[in-house]
Amino acid sequence: MTRIILASASPRRAALLRQIGLPFTVQVSAVDETTSSETDPAKLALALACAKGQAVAEKVDEGIIIAADTIVSSEGELLGKPATKEAAAAMLRRLAGNVHHVLTGVAVFSKPAGLVRTHVETTAVHMRKLTEAEIKWYVNTGEPYDKAGGYGIQGKAAVFIEKIEGCYFNVVGLPLAALWQLLTAVGIKLGEGAGSNEDTAPDHQGVTTK
């Protein structure tokens, strides 16, 4: 059986892989996401995903490495993860009543075959207008701090989102349909076994190489 490795510490990406029954282990890269000078959101998301995947691939002799990076872009400005209540509130004020874009770069590495497949997914998100009381309430929940753009669509901020155009799972952090196609492209046969919800069982049936 092929070993699947998630090159991310994100609990949301891990939850999405468990949702589709993909067995995996986690090996976090040490890539610094703040050093890039790239300003194009699609290029940045893909470059960071590739860097994370490559860092882990260099330490692995055999397996499939999944890496991703999610960027939030609002009117040409990249919004990272807020470090303070003030920064989180400022991000929400910027997004409220407007449309922003969430882009996730995904890179899949196959070792030792040396195959690499990549994709960038974009979703337009319409956030309704928010009151200052709503912004204060949400910031005080503590949800914004580890999320690009300062909110989580899968959490309490769901009540802020009027609609999306594109992949919902992309906004959470991993476009599952696109990922499925990338895994198929590197020789993984999906959905032919029972699957597993345990990220500690990489050799469970359900994922095999062609």
C-alpha atoms as a PDB file:
ATOM      1  CA  MET A   1       0.000   0.000   0.000  1.00  0.00           C
ATOM      2  CA  THR A   2       1.161   3.522  -0.735  1.00  0.00           C
ATOM      3  CA  ARG A   3       2.008   5.788   2.159  1.00  0.00           C
ATOM      4  CA  ILE A   4       0.148   9.116   2.051  1.00  0.00           C
ATOM      5  CA  ILE A   5       1.762  12.056   3.850  1.00  0.00           C
ATOM      6  CA  LEU A   6       0.070  15.377   4.580  1.00  0.00           C
ATOM      7  CA  ALA A   7       2.716  18.119   4.669  1.00  0.00           C
ATOM      8  CA  SER A   8       0.592  20.401   6.828  1.00  0.00           C
ATOM      9  CA  ALA A   9      -0.218  20.975  10.487  1.00  0.00           C
ATOM     10  CA  SER A  10      -3.678  22.285   9.592  1.00  0.00           C
ATOM     11  CA  PRO A  11      -6.388  20.438  11.543  1.00  0.00           C
ATOM     12  CA  ARG A  12      -8.898  21.460   8.876  1.00  0.00           C
ATOM     13  CA  ARG A  13      -6.958  19.797   6.055  1.00  0.00           C
ATOM     14  CA  ALA A  14      -6.528  16.678   8.165  1.00  0.00           C
ATOM     15  CA  ALA A  15     -10.271  16.630   8.851  1.00  0.00           C
ATOM     16  CA  LEU A  16     -11.035  16.900   5.131  1.00  0.00           C
ATOM     17  CA  LEU A  17      -8.772  13.958   4.313  1.00  0.00           C
ATOM     18  CA  ARG A  18     -10.465  11.919   7.018  1.00  0.00           C
ATOM     19  CA  GLN A  19     -13.828  12.960   5.603  1.00  0.00           C
ATOM     20  CA  ILE A  20     -13.054  11.276   2.280  1.00  0.00           C
ATOM     21  CA  GLY A  21     -11.593   8.208   3.993  1.00  0.00           C
ATOM     22  CA  LEU A  22      -8.003   8.826   2.912  1.00  0.00           C
ATOM     23  CA  PRO A  23      -5.480   7.204   5.274  1.00  0.00           C
ATOM     24  CA  PHE A  24      -2.473   9.417   5.953  1.00  0.00           C
ATOM     25  CA  THR A  25       0.239  10.493   8.321  1.00  0.00           C
ATOM     26  CA  VAL A  26       1.329  14.072   9.027  1.00  0.00           C
ATOM     27  CA  GLN A  27       4.827  15.422   8.490  1.00  0.00           C
ATOM     28  CA  VAL A  28       5.031  19.192   8.803  1.00  0.00           C
ATOM     29  CA  SER A  29       7.533  21.149   6.724  1.00  0.00           C
ATOM     30  CA  ALA A  30       9.600  23.982   8.149  1.00  0.00           C
ATOM     31  CA  VAL A  31       8.919  26.387   5.278  1.00  0.00           C
ATOM     32  CA  ASP A  32       8.678  30.042   6.323  1.00  0.00           C
ATOM     33  CA  GLU A  33       5.545  31.407   4.641  1.00  0.00           C
ATOM     34  CA  THR A  34       6.461  35.041   5.333  1.00  0.00           C
ATOM     35  CA  THR A  35       9.683  35.346   3.316  1.00  0.00           C
ATOM     36  CA  SER A  36       8.300  35.311  -0.235  1.00  0.00           C
ATOM     37  CA  SER A  37       8.183  38.590  -2.180  1.00  0.00           C
ATOM     38  CA  GLU A  38       5.584  37.222  -4.628  1.00  0.00           C
ATOM     39  CA  THR A  39       2.457  39.403  -4.794  1.00  0.00           C
ATOM     40  CA  ASP A  40       0.322  37.440  -7.257  1.00  0.00           C
ATOM     41  CA  PRO A  41      -1.977  35.346  -5.021  1.00  0.00           C
ATOM     42  CA  ALA A  42      -2.174  32.334  -7.347  1.00  0.00           C
ATOM     43  CA  LYS A  43       1.579  32.202  -7.890  1.00  0.00           C
ATOM     44  CA  LEU A  44       2.235  32.670  -4.171  1.00  0.00           C
ATOM     45  CA  ALA A  45      -0.190  29.939  -3.104  1.00  0.00           C
ATOM     46  CA  LEU A  46       1.332  27.483  -5.560  1.00  0.00           C
ATOM     47  CA  ALA A  47       4.932  28.434  -4.744  1.00  0.00           C
ATOM     48  CA  LEU A  48       4.352  27.904  -1.022  1.00  0.00           C
ATOM     49  CA  ALA A  49       2.552  24.607  -1.576  1.00  0.00           C
ATOM     50  CA  CYS A  50       5.423  23.366  -3.750  1.00  0.00           C
ATOM     51  CA  ALA A  51       8.009  24.506  -1.215  1.00  0.00           C
ATOM     52  CA  LYS A  52       6.217  22.691   1.610  1.00  0.00           C
ATOM     53  CA  GLY A  53       5.837  19.532  -0.429  1.00  0.00           C
ATOM     54  CA  GLN A  54       9.443  19.577  -1.627  1.00  0.00           C
ATOM     55  CA  ALA A  55      10.749  20.039   1.923  1.00  0.00           C
ATOM     56  CA  VAL A  56       8.960  16.890   3.049  1.00  0.00           C
ATOM     57  CA  ALA A  57       9.668  14.963  -0.164  1.00  0.00           C
ATOM     58  CA  GLU A  58      13.400  15.415   0.428  1.00  0.00           C
ATOM     59  CA  LYS A  59      13.049  13.454   3.680  1.00  0.00           C
ATOM     60  CA  VAL A  60      10.912  10.643   2.258  1.00  0.00           C
ATOM     61  CA  ASP A  61      12.153   7.725   0.175  1.00  0.00           C
ATOM     62  CA  GLU A  62       8.740   6.431  -0.855  1.00  0.00           C
ATOM     63  CA  GLY A  63       5.193   7.757  -0.685  1.00  0.00           C
ATOM     64  CA  ILE A  64       2.753  10.410  -1.827  1.00  0.00           C
ATOM     65  CA  ILE A  65       3.111  13.870  -0.291  1.00  0.00           C
ATOM     66  CA  ILE A  66       0.165  16.281  -0.250  1.00  0.00           C
ATOM     67  CA  ALA A  67       0.990  19.949   0.355  1.00  0.00           C
ATOM     68  CA  ALA A  68      -1.234  23.020   0.227  1.00  0.00           C
ATOM     69  CA  ASP A  69      -1.296  26.714   0.979  1.00  0.00           C
ATOM     70  CA  THR A  70      -4.349  28.960   1.159  1.00  0.00           C
ATOM     71  CA  ILE A  71      -4.307  32.675   0.338  1.00  0.00           C
ATOM     72  CA  VAL A  72      -7.084  35.239   0.808  1.00  0.00           C
ATOM     73  CA  SER A  73      -7.093  38.149  -1.629  1.00  0.00           C
ATOM     74  CA  SER A  74      -9.243  41.250  -1.244  1.00  0.00           C
ATOM     75  CA  GLU A  75      -9.077  43.903  -3.971  1.00  0.00           C
ATOM     76  CA  GLY A  76      -5.516  42.962  -4.787  1.00  0.00           C
ATOM     77  CA  GLU A  77      -4.307  42.830  -1.179  1.00  0.00           C
ATOM     78  CA  LEU A  78      -3.187  39.560   0.381  1.00  0.00           C
ATOM     79  CA  LEU A  79      -4.634  38.876   3.808  1.00  0.00           C
ATOM     80  CA  GLY A  80      -2.691  36.552   6.076  1.00  0.00           C
ATOM     81  CA  LYS A  81      -3.420  35.245   9.550  1.00  0.00           C
ATOM     82  CA  PRO A  82      -4.154  38.020  12.054  1.00  0.00           C
ATOM     83  CA  ALA A  83      -1.950  38.052  15.138  1.00  0.00           C
ATOM     84  CA  THR A  84      -4.046  40.388  17.280  1.00  0.00           C
ATOM     85  CA  LYS A  85      -7.698  41.233  17.951  1.00  0.00           C
ATOM     86  CA  GLU A  86      -7.192  44.557  16.238  1.00  0.00           C
ATOM     87  CA  ALA A  87      -5.804  42.942  13.092  1.00  0.00           C
ATOM     88  CA  ALA A  88      -8.609  40.381  13.011  1.00  0.00           C
ATOM     89  CA  ALA A  89     -11.250  43.079  13.376  1.00  0.00           C
ATOM     90  CA  ALA A  90      -9.633  45.171  10.629  1.00  0.00           C
ATOM     91  CA  MET A  91      -9.694  42.186   8.246  1.00  0.00           C
ATOM     92  CA  LEU A  92     -13.354  41.508   8.920  1.00  0.00           C
ATOM     93  CA  ARG A  93     -14.244  45.164   8.313  1.00  0.00           C
ATOM     94  CA  ARG A  94     -12.410  44.974   4.996  1.00  0.00           C
ATOM     95  CA  LEU A  95     -14.191  41.797   3.900  1.00  0.00           C
ATOM     96  CA  ALA A  96     -17.657  42.687   5.186  1.00  0.00           C
ATOM     97  CA  GLY A  97     -20.099  43.671   2.440  1.00  0.00           C
ATOM     98  CA  ASN A  98     -17.626  42.766  -0.297  1.00  0.00           C
ATOM     99  CA  VAL A  99     -16.471  39.861  -2.437  1.00  0.00           C
ATOM    100  CA  HIS A 100     -13.045  38.364  -1.795  1.00  0.00           C
ATOM    101  CA  HIS A 101     -11.203  35.426  -3.287  1.00  0.00           C
ATOM    102  CA  VAL A 102      -9.744  32.374  -1.593  1.00  0.00           C
ATOM    103  CA  LEU A 103      -6.984  30.586  -3.503  1.00  0.00           C
ATOM    104  CA  THR A 104      -5.422  27.288  -2.534  1.00  0.00           C
ATOM    105  CA  GLY A 105      -2.310  25.954  -4.187  1.00  0.00           C
ATOM    106  CA  VAL A 106      -2.055  22.158  -4.034  1.00  0.00           C
ATOM    107  CA  ALA A 107       1.051  20.124  -4.846  1.00  0.00           C
ATOM    108  CA  VAL A 108       1.222  16.325  -4.894  1.00  0.00           C
ATOM    109  CA  PHE A 109       4.650  14.648  -4.972  1.00  0.00           C
ATOM    110  CA  SER A 110       5.207  10.964  -5.761  1.00  0.00           C
ATOM    111  CA  LYS A 111       8.397   9.320  -4.472  1.00  0.00           C
ATOM    112  CA  PRO A 112      10.465   7.651  -5.802  1.00  0.00           C
ATOM    113  CA  ALA A 113       8.786   8.162  -9.198  1.00  0.00           C
ATOM    114  CA  GLY A 114       9.596  11.869  -9.090  1.00  0.00           C
ATOM    115  CA  LEU A 115       6.152  12.892 -10.319  1.00  0.00           C
ATOM    116  CA  VAL A 116       4.752  16.268  -9.280  1.00  0.00           C
ATOM    117  CA  ARG A 117       1.246  17.481 -10.041  1.00  0.00           C
ATOM    118  CA  THR A 118      -0.065  20.915  -9.072  1.00  0.00           C
ATOM    119  CA  HIS A 119      -3.268  22.920  -9.131  1.00  0.00           C
ATOM    120  CA  VAL A 120      -4.574  26.281  -7.943  1.00  0.00           C
ATOM    121  CA  GLU A 121      -8.245  26.527  -6.970  1.00  0.00           C
ATOM    122  CA  THR A 122     -10.064  29.871  -6.661  1.00  0.00           C
ATOM    123  CA  THR A 123     -13.365  30.520  -4.900  1.00  0.00           C
ATOM    124  CA  ALA A 124     -15.203  33.839  -4.723  1.00  0.00           C
ATOM    125  CA  VAL A 125     -16.734  34.472  -1.298  1.00  0.00           C
ATOM    126  CA  HIS A 126     -19.518  36.990  -0.664  1.00  0.00           C
ATOM    127  CA  MET A 127     -19.527  38.202   2.937  1.00  0.00           C
ATOM    128  CA  ARG A 128     -22.519  40.197   4.124  1.00  0.00           C
ATOM    129  CA  LYS A 129     -22.247  43.534   5.908  1.00  0.00           C
ATOM    130  CA  LEU A 130     -21.349  43.161   9.571  1.00  0.00           C
ATOM    131  CA  THR A 131     -22.062  45.306  12.583  1.00  0.00           C
ATOM    132  CA  GLU A 132     -19.310  46.275  14.987  1.00  0.00           C
ATOM    133  CA  ALA A 133     -21.017  44.117  17.587  1.00  0.00           C
ATOM    134  CA  GLU A 134     -20.820  41.090  15.287  1.00  0.00           C
ATOM    135  CA  ILE A 135     -17.165  41.735  14.550  1.00  0.00           C
ATOM    136  CA  LYS A 136     -16.373  42.075  18.266  1.00  0.00           C
ATOM    137  CA  TRP A 137     -18.310  38.885  19.038  1.00  0.00           C
ATOM    138  CA  TYR A 138     -16.489  36.875  16.390  1.00  0.00           C
ATOM    139  CA  VAL A 139     -13.036  38.155  17.303  1.00  0.00           C
ATOM    140  CA  ASN A 140     -13.699  37.228  20.929  1.00  0.00           C
ATOM    141  CA  THR A 141     -14.463  33.634  19.919  1.00  0.00           C
ATOM    142  CA  GLY A 142     -10.762  33.195  19.148  1.00  0.00           C
ATOM    143  CA  GLU A 143     -11.438  31.627  15.749  1.00  0.00           C
ATOM    144  CA  PRO A 144      -9.689  34.192  13.513  1.00  0.00           C
ATOM    145  CA  TYR A 145      -6.089  33.780  14.612  1.00  0.00           C
ATOM    146  CA  ASP A 146      -4.898  30.711  12.681  1.00  0.00           C
ATOM    147  CA  LYS A 147      -6.893  31.395   9.537  1.00  0.00           C
ATOM    148  CA  ALA A 148      -5.992  33.370   6.427  1.00  0.00           C
ATOM    149  CA  GLY A 149      -8.368  36.286   6.125  1.00  0.00           C
ATOM    150  CA  GLY A 150      -9.266  36.079   9.800  1.00  0.00           C
ATOM    151  CA  TYR A 151     -12.302  33.823   9.575  1.00  0.00           C
ATOM    152  CA  GLY A 152     -13.323  30.190   9.177  1.00  0.00           C
ATOM    153  CA  ILE A 153     -16.276  29.403   6.914  1.00  0.00           C
ATOM    154  CA  GLN A 154     -16.628  26.013   8.587  1.00  0.00           C
ATOM    155  CA  GLY A 155     -16.923  27.628  12.017  1.00  0.00           C
ATOM    156  CA  LYS A 156     -18.947  30.419  13.570  1.00  0.00           C
ATOM    157  CA  ALA A 157     -18.233  32.751  10.635  1.00  0.00           C
ATOM    158  CA  ALA A 158     -20.582  30.626   8.532  1.00  0.00           C
ATOM    159  CA  VAL A 159     -23.335  33.078   9.519  1.00  0.00           C
ATOM    160  CA  PHE A 160     -21.404  35.871   7.763  1.00  0.00           C
ATOM    161  CA  ILE A 161     -21.249  34.241   4.329  1.00  0.00           C
ATOM    162  CA  GLU A 162     -24.076  35.012   1.896  1.00  0.00           C
ATOM    163  CA  LYS A 163     -22.844  32.793  -0.927  1.00  0.00           C
ATOM    164  CA  ILE A 164     -19.779  31.394  -2.636  1.00  0.00           C
ATOM    165  CA  GLU A 165     -18.867  30.833  -6.261  1.00  0.00           C
ATOM    166  CA  GLY A 166     -16.695  27.756  -6.549  1.00  0.00           C
ATOM    167  CA  CYS A 167     -15.477  25.003  -4.265  1.00  0.00           C
ATOM    168  CA  TYR A 168     -16.566  25.235  -0.619  1.00  0.00           C
ATOM    169  CA  PHE A 169     -13.808  22.889   0.558  1.00  0.00           C
ATOM    170  CA  ASN A 170     -11.257  25.213  -1.028  1.00  0.00           C
ATOM    171  CA  VAL A 171     -12.326  27.926   1.415  1.00  0.00           C
ATOM    172  CA  VAL A 172     -11.860  25.480   4.287  1.00  0.00           C
ATOM    173  CA  GLY A 173      -8.331  24.801   3.045  1.00  0.00           C
ATOM    174  CA  LEU A 174      -8.219  21.901   0.575  1.00  0.00           C
ATOM    175  CA  PRO A 175     -10.184  21.563  -2.719  1.00  0.00           C
ATOM    176  CA  LEU A 176     -11.129  17.902  -2.540  1.00  0.00           C
ATOM    177  CA  ALA A 177     -12.290  17.361  -6.131  1.00  0.00           C
ATOM    178  CA  ALA A 178      -9.052  18.824  -7.491  1.00  0.00           C
ATOM    179  CA  LEU A 179      -6.984  16.841  -4.996  1.00  0.00           C
ATOM    180  CA  TRP A 180      -8.693  13.621  -6.040  1.00  0.00           C
ATOM    181  CA  GLN A 181      -7.708  14.258  -9.665  1.00  0.00           C
ATOM    182  CA  LEU A 182      -4.104  15.045  -8.700  1.00  0.00           C
ATOM    183  CA  LEU A 183      -3.825  11.810  -6.729  1.00  0.00           C
ATOM    184  CA  THR A 184      -5.221   9.873  -9.681  1.00  0.00           C
ATOM    185  CA  ALA A 185      -2.669  11.576 -11.938  1.00  0.00           C
ATOM    186  CA  VAL A 186       0.241  10.232  -9.856  1.00  0.00           C
ATOM    187  CA  GLY A 187      -1.086   6.694  -9.951  1.00  0.00           C
ATOM    188  CA  ILE A 188      -3.296   6.405  -6.886  1.00  0.00           C
ATOM    189  CA  LYS A 189      -6.484   4.345  -7.268  1.00  0.00           C
ATOM    190  CA  LEU A 190      -9.080   5.791  -4.931  1.00  0.00           C
ATOM    191  CA  GLY A 191     -12.335   4.408  -3.641  1.00  0.00           C
ATOM    192  CA  GLU A 192     -11.555   0.738  -4.226  1.00  0.00           C
ATOM    193  CA  GLY A 193     -11.388  -0.285  -0.579  1.00  0.00           C
ATOM    194  CA  ALA A 194     -13.062   0.359   2.726  1.00  0.00           C
ATOM    195  CA  GLY A 195     -11.089   3.512   3.392  1.00  0.00           C
ATOM    196  CA  SER A 196     -10.049   4.743   6.810  1.00  0.00           C
ATOM    197  CA  ASN A 197     -10.726   7.680   9.069  1.00  0.00           C
ATOM    198  CA  GLU A 198      -7.541   7.097  11.045  1.00  0.00           C
ATOM    199  CA  ASP A 199      -4.580   9.296  10.152  1.00  0.00           C
ATOM    200  CA  THR A 200      -2.386   6.869  12.075  1.00  0.00           C
ATOM    201  CA  ALA A 201      -3.144   3.974   9.716  1.00  0.00           C
ATOM    202  CA  PRO A 202      -1.337   4.724   6.439  1.00  0.00           C
ATOM    203  CA  ASP A 203      -1.445   1.104   5.268  1.00  0.00           C
ATOM    204  CA  HIS A 204      -5.205   0.657   5.491  1.00  0.00           C
ATOM    205  CA  GLN A 205      -7.044  -0.616   2.432  1.00  0.00           C
ATOM    206  CA  GLY A 206      -8.647   1.944   0.143  1.00  0.00           C
ATOM    207  CA  VAL A 207      -5.585   3.550  -1.468  1.00  0.00           C
ATOM    208  CA  THR A 208      -3.398   1.548  -3.836  1.00  0.00           C
ATOM    209  CA  THR A 209      -1.017   2.313  -6.650  1.00  0.00           C
ATOM    210  CA  LYS A 210      -1.791   1.349 -10.214  1.00  0.00           C
END
